[in-house]
Amino acid sequence: MPEEDNITRKLEAVLKRLLASNREITLAVITTMEGLPILSILPRGYNETRISAMVATLLSLSERSVLDMEIGIFEQIFIKGLDGYLLIFNSEQAVLAVSTTEKAQLGLVFLECERASYDISKILKKEK
């Protein structure tokens, strides 16, 4: 259990750093490829389990589409809504999903999320 607590603390630090780096990022979720929540920082009223399941569904469909269309290997999902964006990044053993406001500077958000995704991947690789 102490090792699991250490991994959780490291992942939490990654998410906190991500949210602190850009005020336009409103939520961040780390989930398994199967849609089980690992860790999240969400505003009150959001359901971590439901968001994780939706993210996994989007990931699965996107991975299949990329393969069927022969455009390489899935890397990320970008969804634009009227009031903001949903971005989903592959972190090898997990998935990072973030939501932003419509005012987000997407170049910076992508850079910060790619760094966080890499850090998540490193942390989870050490777990195995």
Protein backbone atom coordinates (compact mmCIF):
# COMPACT_ATOMS: atom_id res chain seq x y z
CA MET A 1 0.00 0.00 0.00
CA PRO A 2 2.77 2.55 0.68
CA GLU A 3 3.98 2.19 -2.94
CA GLU A 4 0.44 2.74 -4.21
CA ASP A 5 0.15 5.87 -2.04
CA ASN A 6 3.42 7.14 -3.49
CA ILE A 7 2.17 6.64 -7.06
CA THR A 8 -1.08 8.41 -6.20
CA ARG A 9 0.83 11.35 -4.70
CA LYS A 10 3.03 11.60 -7.81
CA LEU A 11 0.04 11.49 -10.16
CA GLU A 12 -1.78 14.06 -8.04
CA ALA A 13 1.26 16.34 -8.25
CA VAL A 14 1.20 16.06 -12.05
CA LEU A 15 -2.49 17.01 -12.21
CA LYS A 16 -2.10 19.88 -9.74
CA ARG A 17 0.90 21.21 -11.69
CA LEU A 18 -1.12 20.98 -14.92
CA LEU A 19 -4.08 22.89 -13.49
CA ALA A 20 -1.81 25.48 -11.87
CA SER A 21 0.06 26.04 -15.14
CA ASN A 22 -3.04 27.20 -16.99
CA ARG A 23 -6.16 28.69 -15.40
CA GLU A 24 -8.19 27.86 -18.52
CA ILE A 25 -7.92 24.12 -17.77
CA THR A 26 -11.04 23.40 -15.72
CA LEU A 27 -10.71 19.69 -15.00
CA ALA A 28 -8.22 16.87 -15.41
CA VAL A 29 -8.79 13.11 -15.29
CA ILE A 30 -6.43 10.15 -15.47
CA THR A 31 -8.23 6.95 -16.38
CA THR A 32 -7.38 3.44 -17.51
CA MET A 33 -7.86 2.44 -21.14
CA GLU A 34 -10.91 0.49 -19.96
CA GLY A 35 -12.52 3.56 -18.39
CA LEU A 36 -11.75 3.01 -14.72
CA PRO A 37 -10.84 6.26 -12.94
CA ILE A 38 -7.31 6.44 -11.57
CA LEU A 39 -7.26 10.03 -10.32
CA SER A 40 -9.06 13.26 -11.07
CA ILE A 41 -9.38 16.88 -10.11
CA LEU A 42 -12.93 17.90 -10.90
CA PRO A 43 -15.22 20.77 -10.00
CA ARG A 44 -18.06 19.93 -7.63
CA GLY A 45 -20.96 18.13 -9.29
CA TYR A 46 -18.95 16.14 -11.84
CA ASN A 47 -19.01 12.34 -11.78
CA GLU A 48 -15.49 10.87 -12.07
CA THR A 49 -16.73 7.41 -13.04
CA ARG A 50 -19.01 8.70 -15.78
CA ILE A 51 -16.34 10.97 -17.25
CA SER A 52 -13.79 8.14 -17.20
CA ALA A 53 -16.19 5.82 -19.02
CA MET A 54 -16.95 8.46 -21.68
CA VAL A 55 -13.25 9.18 -22.20
CA ALA A 56 -12.50 5.47 -22.65
CA THR A 57 -15.32 5.15 -25.18
CA LEU A 58 -14.02 8.11 -27.18
CA LEU A 59 -10.52 6.68 -27.00
CA SER A 60 -11.61 3.26 -28.23
CA LEU A 61 -13.55 4.69 -31.17
CA SER A 62 -10.71 7.04 -32.07
CA GLU A 63 -8.05 4.33 -31.95
CA ARG A 64 -10.18 2.10 -34.18
CA SER A 65 -10.83 4.95 -36.62
CA VAL A 66 -7.15 5.82 -36.89
CA LEU A 67 -6.29 2.18 -37.61
CA ASP A 68 -9.10 1.65 -40.12
CA MET A 69 -8.24 4.88 -41.96
CA GLU A 70 -4.55 3.92 -41.95
CA ILE A 71 -3.35 7.26 -40.59
CA GLY A 72 -0.82 5.94 -38.10
CA ILE A 73 -1.09 5.49 -34.37
CA PHE A 74 -3.61 7.32 -32.19
CA GLU A 75 -2.14 10.24 -30.23
CA GLN A 76 -4.88 12.61 -29.10
CA ILE A 77 -8.50 13.72 -29.41
CA PHE A 78 -9.61 17.33 -29.81
CA ILE A 79 -13.29 18.18 -29.35
CA LYS A 80 -14.58 21.73 -29.57
CA GLY A 81 -17.76 22.66 -27.77
CA LEU A 82 -19.52 26.00 -27.69
CA ASP A 83 -18.02 26.89 -24.31
CA GLY A 84 -14.68 25.11 -24.42
CA TYR A 85 -12.63 22.11 -25.43
CA LEU A 86 -12.15 18.49 -24.42
CA LEU A 87 -8.68 17.10 -25.06
CA ILE A 88 -7.71 13.46 -24.60
CA PHE A 89 -4.11 12.22 -24.66
CA ASN A 90 -2.70 8.71 -24.75
CA SER A 91 -0.31 8.12 -21.82
CA GLU A 92 0.59 4.54 -22.76
CA GLN A 93 -0.78 2.79 -19.65
CA ALA A 94 -3.47 5.41 -19.07
CA VAL A 95 -5.39 8.28 -20.60
CA LEU A 96 -5.25 11.97 -19.68
CA ALA A 97 -8.37 14.03 -20.35
CA VAL A 98 -8.72 17.75 -19.75
CA SER A 99 -11.47 20.27 -20.29
CA THR A 100 -10.77 23.94 -20.96
CA THR A 101 -12.69 27.16 -21.36
CA GLU A 102 -13.23 28.67 -24.78
CA LYS A 103 -10.53 31.26 -24.02
CA ALA A 104 -7.75 28.67 -23.71
CA GLN A 105 -4.62 29.20 -25.76
CA LEU A 106 -4.60 25.73 -27.25
CA GLY A 107 -0.92 25.66 -28.19
CA LEU A 108 0.06 26.11 -24.55
CA VAL A 109 -2.56 23.66 -23.33
CA PHE A 110 -1.36 21.00 -25.78
CA LEU A 111 2.25 21.53 -24.69
CA GLU A 112 1.37 21.30 -20.99
CA CYS A 113 -0.83 18.24 -21.52
CA GLU A 114 1.80 16.44 -23.58
CA ARG A 115 4.32 17.01 -20.78
CA ALA A 116 1.83 15.80 -18.17
CA SER A 117 0.98 12.77 -20.30
CA TYR A 118 4.66 11.89 -20.54
CA ASP A 119 5.09 12.27 -16.77
CA ILE A 120 2.03 10.07 -16.13
CA SER A 121 3.45 7.42 -18.43
CA LYS A 122 6.79 7.45 -16.58
CA ILE A 123 5.14 7.17 -13.18
CA LEU A 124 2.91 4.27 -14.22
CA LYS A 125 5.76 2.42 -15.95
CA LYS A 126 7.73 2.42 -12.70
CA GLU A 127 4.69 0.89 -10.98
CA LYS A 128 4.92 -2.27 -13.09
